[in-house]
Amino acid sequence: MEDLSPIEKMVVQAMQDLGATKEEKKKTADDIAKKCNRPKSMVTNALVSLSNKGMVKRVVREKASGYFVEASSM
């Protein structure tokens, strides 16, 4: 995790604390932003970056997308 920005590290840690480690336990950007105590836009940008790096998986749903930490990146 040394190539991650501070906000990306914070987001990954928050997701792990929330238990978002499998698809069945995915969390929304709102859930993660509340846990991080950071603006949703900042968290969303970090989630997109983490998704591009393959550390976080995004699951598109009807209302809000869900995110979880990829098991291989932990």
PDB file of N, CA and C in Angstrom:
ATOM      1  N   MET A   1       0.813  -1.196   0.000  1.00  0.00           N
ATOM      2  CA  MET A   1       0.000   0.000   0.000  1.00  0.00           C
ATOM      3  C   MET A   1       0.856   1.259   0.000  1.00  0.00           C
ATOM      4  N   GLU A   2       2.144   1.123  -0.256  1.00  0.00           N
ATOM      5  CA  GLU A   2       3.022   2.288  -0.204  1.00  0.00           C
ATOM      6  C   GLU A   2       2.838   3.244  -1.378  1.00  0.00           C
ATOM      7  N   ASP A   3       2.221   2.809  -2.455  1.00  0.00           N
ATOM      8  CA  ASP A   3       2.014   3.685  -3.608  1.00  0.00           C
ATOM      9  C   ASP A   3       0.654   4.390  -3.575  1.00  0.00           C
ATOM     10  N   LEU A   4      -0.005   4.364  -2.423  1.00  0.00           N
ATOM     11  CA  LEU A   4      -1.310   4.998  -2.282  1.00  0.00           C
ATOM     12  C   LEU A   4      -1.172   6.377  -1.643  1.00  0.00           C
ATOM     13  N   SER A   5      -2.073   7.269  -2.024  1.00  0.00           N
ATOM     14  CA  SER A   5      -2.113   8.593  -1.403  1.00  0.00           C
ATOM     15  C   SER A   5      -2.688   8.449   0.009  1.00  0.00           C
ATOM     16  N   PRO A   6      -2.518   9.471   0.855  1.00  0.00           N
ATOM     17  CA  PRO A   6      -3.072   9.389   2.210  1.00  0.00           C
ATOM     18  C   PRO A   6      -4.591   9.173   2.232  1.00  0.00           C
ATOM     19  N   ILE A   7      -5.330   9.818   1.351  1.00  0.00           N
ATOM     20  CA  ILE A   7      -6.786   9.626   1.333  1.00  0.00           C
ATOM     21  C   ILE A   7      -7.138   8.212   0.862  1.00  0.00           C
ATOM     22  N   GLU A   8      -6.372   7.675  -0.097  1.00  0.00           N
ATOM     23  CA  GLU A   8      -6.625   6.301  -0.554  1.00  0.00           C
ATOM     24  C   GLU A   8      -6.387   5.310   0.583  1.00  0.00           C
ATOM     25  N   LYS A   9      -5.328   5.525   1.352  1.00  0.00           N
ATOM     26  CA  LYS A   9      -5.054   4.648   2.503  1.00  0.00           C
ATOM     27  C   LYS A   9      -6.179   4.744   3.520  1.00  0.00           C
ATOM     28  N   MET A  10      -6.665   5.964   3.746  1.00  0.00           N
ATOM     29  CA  MET A  10      -7.751   6.180   4.691  1.00  0.00           C
ATOM     30  C   MET A  10      -9.026   5.465   4.229  1.00  0.00           C
ATOM     31  N   VAL A  11      -9.309   5.536   2.937  1.00  0.00           N
ATOM     32  CA  VAL A  11     -10.505   4.899   2.383  1.00  0.00           C
ATOM     33  C   VAL A  11     -10.417   3.376   2.502  1.00  0.00           C
ATOM     34  N   VAL A  12      -9.269   2.815   2.173  1.00  0.00           N
ATOM     35  CA  VAL A  12      -9.094   1.356   2.279  1.00  0.00           C
ATOM     36  C   VAL A  12      -9.263   0.921   3.734  1.00  0.00           C
ATOM     37  N   GLN A  13      -8.653   1.674   4.662  1.00  0.00           N
ATOM     38  CA  GLN A  13      -8.773   1.333   6.083  1.00  0.00           C
ATOM     39  C   GLN A  13     -10.227   1.420   6.550  1.00  0.00           C
ATOM     40  N   ALA A  14     -10.925   2.463   6.115  1.00  0.00           N
ATOM     41  CA  ALA A  14     -12.334   2.617   6.487  1.00  0.00           C
ATOM     42  C   ALA A  14     -13.174   1.465   5.944  1.00  0.00           C
ATOM     43  N   MET A  15     -12.902   1.061   4.715  1.00  0.00           N
ATOM     44  CA  MET A  15     -13.648  -0.057   4.123  1.00  0.00           C
ATOM     45  C   MET A  15     -13.396  -1.344   4.900  1.00  0.00           C
ATOM     46  N   GLN A  16     -12.152  -1.561   5.297  1.00  0.00           N
ATOM     47  CA  GLN A  16     -11.843  -2.756   6.090  1.00  0.00           C
ATOM     48  C   GLN A  16     -12.533  -2.685   7.450  1.00  0.00           C
ATOM     49  N   ASP A  17     -12.531  -1.495   8.067  1.00  0.00           N
ATOM     50  CA  ASP A  17     -13.202  -1.329   9.362  1.00  0.00           C
ATOM     51  C   ASP A  17     -14.710  -1.571   9.253  1.00  0.00           C
ATOM     52  N   LEU A  18     -15.290  -1.174   8.123  1.00  0.00           N
ATOM     53  CA  LEU A  18     -16.721  -1.361   7.885  1.00  0.00           C
ATOM     54  C   LEU A  18     -17.062  -2.793   7.471  1.00  0.00           C
ATOM     55  N   GLY A  19     -16.046  -3.593   7.204  1.00  0.00           N
ATOM     56  CA  GLY A  19     -16.274  -4.983   6.804  1.00  0.00           C
ATOM     57  C   GLY A  19     -16.566  -5.163   5.332  1.00  0.00           C
ATOM     58  N   ALA A  20     -16.245  -4.155   4.513  1.00  0.00           N
ATOM     59  CA  ALA A  20     -16.505  -4.217   3.068  1.00  0.00           C
ATOM     60  C   ALA A  20     -15.380  -4.978   2.372  1.00  0.00           C
ATOM     61  N   THR A  21     -15.285  -6.260   2.688  1.00  0.00           N
ATOM     62  CA  THR A  21     -14.210  -7.077   2.143  1.00  0.00           C
ATOM     63  C   THR A  21     -14.705  -8.140   1.160  1.00  0.00           C
ATOM     64  N   LYS A  22     -16.020  -8.208   0.962  1.00  0.00           N
ATOM     65  CA  LYS A  22     -16.593  -9.118  -0.026  1.00  0.00           C
ATOM     66  C   LYS A  22     -17.789  -8.445  -0.671  1.00  0.00           C
ATOM     67  N   GLU A  23     -18.173  -8.962  -1.812  1.00  0.00           N
ATOM     68  CA  GLU A  23     -19.271  -8.352  -2.558  1.00  0.00           C
ATOM     69  C   GLU A  23     -20.562  -8.298  -1.743  1.00  0.00           C
ATOM     70  N   GLU A  24     -20.820  -9.311  -0.930  1.00  0.00           N
ATOM     71  CA  GLU A  24     -22.048  -9.334  -0.143  1.00  0.00           C
ATOM     72  C   GLU A  24     -22.080  -8.232   0.916  1.00  0.00           C
ATOM     73  N   LYS A  25     -20.902  -7.685   1.248  1.00  0.00           N
ATOM     74  CA  LYS A  25     -20.816  -6.672   2.306  1.00  0.00           C
ATOM     75  C   LYS A  25     -20.381  -5.311   1.766  1.00  0.00           C
ATOM     76  N   LYS A  26     -20.651  -5.069   0.497  1.00  0.00           N
ATOM     77  CA  LYS A  26     -20.235  -3.811  -0.132  1.00  0.00           C
ATOM     78  C   LYS A  26     -20.866  -2.604   0.548  1.00  0.00           C
ATOM     79  N   LYS A  27     -20.190  -1.466   0.470  1.00  0.00           N
ATOM     80  CA  LYS A  27     -20.656  -0.226   1.080  1.00  0.00           C
ATOM     81  C   LYS A  27     -20.710   0.869   0.026  1.00  0.00           C
ATOM     82  N   THR A  28     -21.563   1.864   0.273  1.00  0.00           N
ATOM     83  CA  THR A  28     -21.672   2.991  -0.652  1.00  0.00           C
ATOM     84  C   THR A  28     -20.600   4.033  -0.324  1.00  0.00           C
ATOM     85  N   ALA A  29     -20.401   4.949  -1.253  1.00  0.00           N
ATOM     86  CA  ALA A  29     -19.461   6.046  -1.025  1.00  0.00           C
ATOM     87  C   ALA A  29     -19.905   6.868   0.181  1.00  0.00           C
ATOM     88  N   ASP A  30     -21.210   7.027   0.380  1.00  0.00           N
ATOM     89  CA  ASP A  30     -21.724   7.751   1.557  1.00  0.00           C
ATOM     90  C   ASP A  30     -21.284   7.073   2.858  1.00  0.00           C
ATOM     91  N   ASP A  31     -21.434   5.754   2.923  1.00  0.00           N
ATOM     92  CA  ASP A  31     -21.033   5.007   4.122  1.00  0.00           C
ATOM     93  C   ASP A  31     -19.548   5.215   4.419  1.00  0.00           C
ATOM     94  N   ILE A  32     -18.746   5.130   3.378  1.00  0.00           N
ATOM     95  CA  ILE A  32     -17.294   5.243   3.528  1.00  0.00           C
ATOM     96  C   ILE A  32     -16.911   6.673   3.905  1.00  0.00           C
ATOM     97  N   ALA A  33     -17.555   7.655   3.287  1.00  0.00           N
ATOM     98  CA  ALA A  33     -17.274   9.066   3.593  1.00  0.00           C
ATOM     99  C   ALA A  33     -17.590   9.377   5.059  1.00  0.00           C
ATOM    100  N   LYS A  34     -18.695   8.830   5.556  1.00  0.00           N
ATOM    101  CA  LYS A  34     -19.054   9.053   6.966  1.00  0.00           C
ATOM    102  C   LYS A  34     -18.007   8.452   7.892  1.00  0.00           C
ATOM    103  N   LYS A  35     -17.532   7.263   7.560  1.00  0.00           N
ATOM    104  CA  LYS A  35     -16.516   6.598   8.388  1.00  0.00           C
ATOM    105  C   LYS A  35     -15.198   7.372   8.361  1.00  0.00           C
ATOM    106  N   CYS A  36     -14.836   7.910   7.193  1.00  0.00           N
ATOM    107  CA  CYS A  36     -13.580   8.659   7.043  1.00  0.00           C
ATOM    108  C   CYS A  36     -13.681  10.084   7.577  1.00  0.00           C
ATOM    109  N   ASN A  37     -14.923  10.570   7.715  1.00  0.00           N
ATOM    110  CA  ASN A  37     -15.159  11.960   8.079  1.00  0.00           C
ATOM    111  C   ASN A  37     -14.517  12.909   7.056  1.00  0.00           C
ATOM    112  N   ARG A  38     -14.714  12.576   5.784  1.00  0.00           N
ATOM    113  CA  ARG A  38     -14.200  13.369   4.658  1.00  0.00           C
ATOM    114  C   ARG A  38     -15.347  13.622   3.686  1.00  0.00           C
ATOM    115  N   PRO A  39     -15.230  14.654   2.849  1.00  0.00           N
ATOM    116  CA  PRO A  39     -16.293  14.924   1.872  1.00  0.00           C
ATOM    117  C   PRO A  39     -16.484  13.749   0.907  1.00  0.00           C
ATOM    118  N   LYS A  40     -17.742  13.520   0.530  1.00  0.00           N
ATOM    119  CA  LYS A  40     -18.059  12.402  -0.366  1.00  0.00           C
ATOM    120  C   LYS A  40     -17.309  12.520  -1.687  1.00  0.00           C
ATOM    121  N   SER A  41     -17.149  13.745  -2.206  1.00  0.00           N
ATOM    122  CA  SER A  41     -16.451  13.916  -3.489  1.00  0.00           C
ATOM    123  C   SER A  41     -14.999  13.449  -3.393  1.00  0.00           C
ATOM    124  N   MET A  42     -14.356  13.730  -2.270  1.00  0.00           N
ATOM    125  CA  MET A  42     -12.970  13.304  -2.062  1.00  0.00           C
ATOM    126  C   MET A  42     -12.887  11.779  -1.988  1.00  0.00           C
ATOM    127  N   VAL A  43     -13.826  11.187  -1.275  1.00  0.00           N
ATOM    128  CA  VAL A  43     -13.864   9.727  -1.130  1.00  0.00           C
ATOM    129  C   VAL A  43     -14.172   9.071  -2.477  1.00  0.00           C
ATOM    130  N   THR A  44     -15.102   9.649  -3.228  1.00  0.00           N
ATOM    131  CA  THR A  44     -15.451   9.099  -4.540  1.00  0.00           C
ATOM    132  C   THR A  44     -14.252   9.126  -5.478  1.00  0.00           C
ATOM    133  N   ASN A  45     -13.504  10.221  -5.484  1.00  0.00           N
ATOM    134  CA  ASN A  45     -12.297  10.302  -6.316  1.00  0.00           C
ATOM    135  C   ASN A  45     -11.285   9.238  -5.911  1.00  0.00           C
ATOM    136  N   ALA A  46     -11.124   9.029  -4.611  1.00  0.00           N
ATOM    137  CA  ALA A  46     -10.199   8.000  -4.125  1.00  0.00           C
ATOM    138  C   ALA A  46     -10.691   6.608  -4.526  1.00  0.00           C
ATOM    139  N   LEU A  47     -11.996   6.381  -4.457  1.00  0.00           N
ATOM    140  CA  LEU A  47     -12.552   5.077  -4.846  1.00  0.00           C
ATOM    141  C   LEU A  47     -12.334   4.801  -6.327  1.00  0.00           C
ATOM    142  N   VAL A  48     -12.491   5.808  -7.172  1.00  0.00           N
ATOM    143  CA  VAL A  48     -12.246   5.648  -8.611  1.00  0.00           C
ATOM    144  C   VAL A  48     -10.781   5.295  -8.844  1.00  0.00           C
ATOM    145  N   SER A  49      -9.897   6.010  -8.170  1.00  0.00           N
ATOM    146  CA  SER A  49      -8.462   5.743  -8.312  1.00  0.00           C
ATOM    147  C   SER A  49      -8.121   4.329  -7.828  1.00  0.00           C
ATOM    148  N   LEU A  50      -8.656   3.940  -6.682  1.00  0.00           N
ATOM    149  CA  LEU A  50      -8.414   2.592  -6.146  1.00  0.00           C
ATOM    150  C   LEU A  50      -8.988   1.517  -7.066  1.00  0.00           C
ATOM    151  N   SER A  51     -10.123   1.808  -7.664  1.00  0.00           N
ATOM    152  CA  SER A  51     -10.726   0.875  -8.611  1.00  0.00           C
ATOM    153  C   SER A  51      -9.832   0.705  -9.838  1.00  0.00           C
ATOM    154  N   ASN A  52      -9.278   1.809 -10.328  1.00  0.00           N
ATOM    155  CA  ASN A  52      -8.370   1.750 -11.480  1.00  0.00           C
ATOM    156  C   ASN A  52      -7.096   0.980 -11.152  1.00  0.00           C
ATOM    157  N   LYS A  53      -6.676   1.017  -9.901  1.00  0.00           N
ATOM    158  CA  LYS A  53      -5.478   0.290  -9.458  1.00  0.00           C
ATOM    159  C   LYS A  53      -5.780  -1.170  -9.153  1.00  0.00           C
ATOM    160  N   GLY A  54      -7.061  -1.543  -9.176  1.00  0.00           N
ATOM    161  CA  GLY A  54      -7.449  -2.931  -8.928  1.00  0.00           C
ATOM    162  C   GLY A  54      -7.548  -3.296  -7.461  1.00  0.00           C
ATOM    163  N   MET A  55      -7.536  -2.308  -6.574  1.00  0.00           N
ATOM    164  CA  MET A  55      -7.605  -2.601  -5.139  1.00  0.00           C
ATOM    165  C   MET A  55      -9.032  -2.657  -4.628  1.00  0.00           C
ATOM    166  N   VAL A  56      -9.928  -1.957  -5.303  1.00  0.00           N
ATOM    167  CA  VAL A  56     -11.328  -1.875  -4.893  1.00  0.00           C
ATOM    168  C   VAL A  56     -12.197  -2.270  -6.079  1.00  0.00           C
ATOM    169  N   LYS A  57     -13.231  -2.993  -5.810  1.00  0.00           N
ATOM    170  CA  LYS A  57     -14.171  -3.414  -6.853  1.00  0.00           C
ATOM    171  C   LYS A  57     -15.439  -2.581  -6.722  1.00  0.00           C
ATOM    172  N   ARG A  58     -15.945  -2.083  -7.856  1.00  0.00           N
ATOM    173  CA  ARG A  58     -17.175  -1.289  -7.896  1.00  0.00           C
ATOM    174  C   ARG A  58     -18.294  -2.155  -8.469  1.00  0.00           C
ATOM    175  N   VAL A  59     -19.434  -2.177  -7.782  1.00  0.00           N
ATOM    176  CA  VAL A  59     -20.587  -2.936  -8.227  1.00  0.00           C
ATOM    177  C   VAL A  59     -21.714  -1.938  -8.493  1.00  0.00           C
ATOM    178  N   VAL A  60     -22.127  -1.859  -9.741  1.00  0.00           N
ATOM    179  CA  VAL A  60     -23.187  -0.925 -10.117  1.00  0.00           C
ATOM    180  C   VAL A  60     -24.524  -1.492  -9.672  1.00  0.00           C
ATOM    181  N   ARG A  61     -25.292  -0.633  -8.999  1.00  0.00           N
ATOM    182  CA  ARG A  61     -26.621  -1.024  -8.539  1.00  0.00           C
ATOM    183  C   ARG A  61     -27.623   0.008  -9.041  1.00  0.00           C
ATOM    184  N   GLU A  62     -28.876  -0.198  -8.734  1.00  0.00           N
ATOM    185  CA  GLU A  62     -29.923   0.678  -9.244  1.00  0.00           C
ATOM    186  C   GLU A  62     -29.777   2.115  -8.741  1.00  0.00           C
ATOM    187  N   LYS A  63     -29.589   2.311  -7.445  1.00  0.00           N
ATOM    188  CA  LYS A  63     -29.492   3.663  -6.895  1.00  0.00           C
ATOM    189  C   LYS A  63     -28.045   4.105  -6.734  1.00  0.00           C
ATOM    190  N   ALA A  64     -27.301   3.468  -5.870  1.00  0.00           N
ATOM    191  CA  ALA A  64     -25.918   3.859  -5.598  1.00  0.00           C
ATOM    192  C   ALA A  64     -24.994   2.673  -5.794  1.00  0.00           C
ATOM    193  N   SER A  65     -23.837   2.924  -6.358  1.00  0.00           N
ATOM    194  CA  SER A  65     -22.854   1.855  -6.541  1.00  0.00           C
ATOM    195  C   SER A  65     -22.334   1.404  -5.191  1.00  0.00           C
ATOM    196  N   GLY A  66     -21.950   0.142  -5.126  1.00  0.00           N
ATOM    197  CA  GLY A  66     -21.344  -0.403  -3.920  1.00  0.00           C
ATOM    198  C   GLY A  66     -19.879  -0.699  -4.170  1.00  0.00           C
ATOM    199  N   TYR A  67     -19.076  -0.615  -3.138  1.00  0.00           N
ATOM    200  CA  TYR A  67     -17.631  -0.846  -3.252  1.00  0.00           C
ATOM    201  C   TYR A  67     -17.187  -1.827  -2.181  1.00  0.00           C
ATOM    202  N   PHE A  68     -16.190  -2.626  -2.520  1.00  0.00           N
ATOM    203  CA  PHE A  68     -15.572  -3.507  -1.539  1.00  0.00           C
ATOM    204  C   PHE A  68     -14.110  -3.696  -1.901  1.00  0.00           C
ATOM    205  N   VAL A  69     -13.298  -4.030  -0.892  1.00  0.00           N
ATOM    206  CA  VAL A  69     -11.866  -4.223  -1.080  1.00  0.00           C
ATOM    207  C   VAL A  69     -11.642  -5.585  -1.714  1.00  0.00           C
ATOM    208  N   GLU A  70     -10.849  -5.621  -2.783  1.00  0.00           N
ATOM    209  CA  GLU A  70     -10.500  -6.896  -3.419  1.00  0.00           C
ATOM    210  C   GLU A  70      -9.667  -7.732  -2.452  1.00  0.00           C
ATOM    211  N   ALA A  71      -9.997  -8.994  -2.307  1.00  0.00           N
ATOM    212  CA  ALA A  71      -9.276  -9.874  -1.373  1.00  0.00           C
ATOM    213  C   ALA A  71      -7.796  -9.966  -1.721  1.00  0.00           C
ATOM    214  N   SER A  72      -7.464  -9.946  -3.003  1.00  0.00           N
ATOM    215  CA  SER A  72      -6.072 -10.092  -3.417  1.00  0.00           C
ATOM    216  C   SER A  72      -5.227  -8.866  -3.091  1.00  0.00           C
ATOM    217  N   SER A  73      -5.858  -7.731  -2.767  1.00  0.00           N
ATOM    218  CA  SER A  73      -5.098  -6.519  -2.490  1.00  0.00           C
ATOM    219  C   SER A  73      -4.881  -6.291  -0.999  1.00  0.00           C
ATOM    220  N   MET A  74      -5.426  -7.185  -0.158  1.00  0.00           N
ATOM    221  CA  MET A  74      -5.292  -7.007   1.291  1.00  0.00           C
ATOM    222  C   MET A  74      -4.027  -7.653   1.805  1.00  0.00           C
TER     223      MET A  74
END
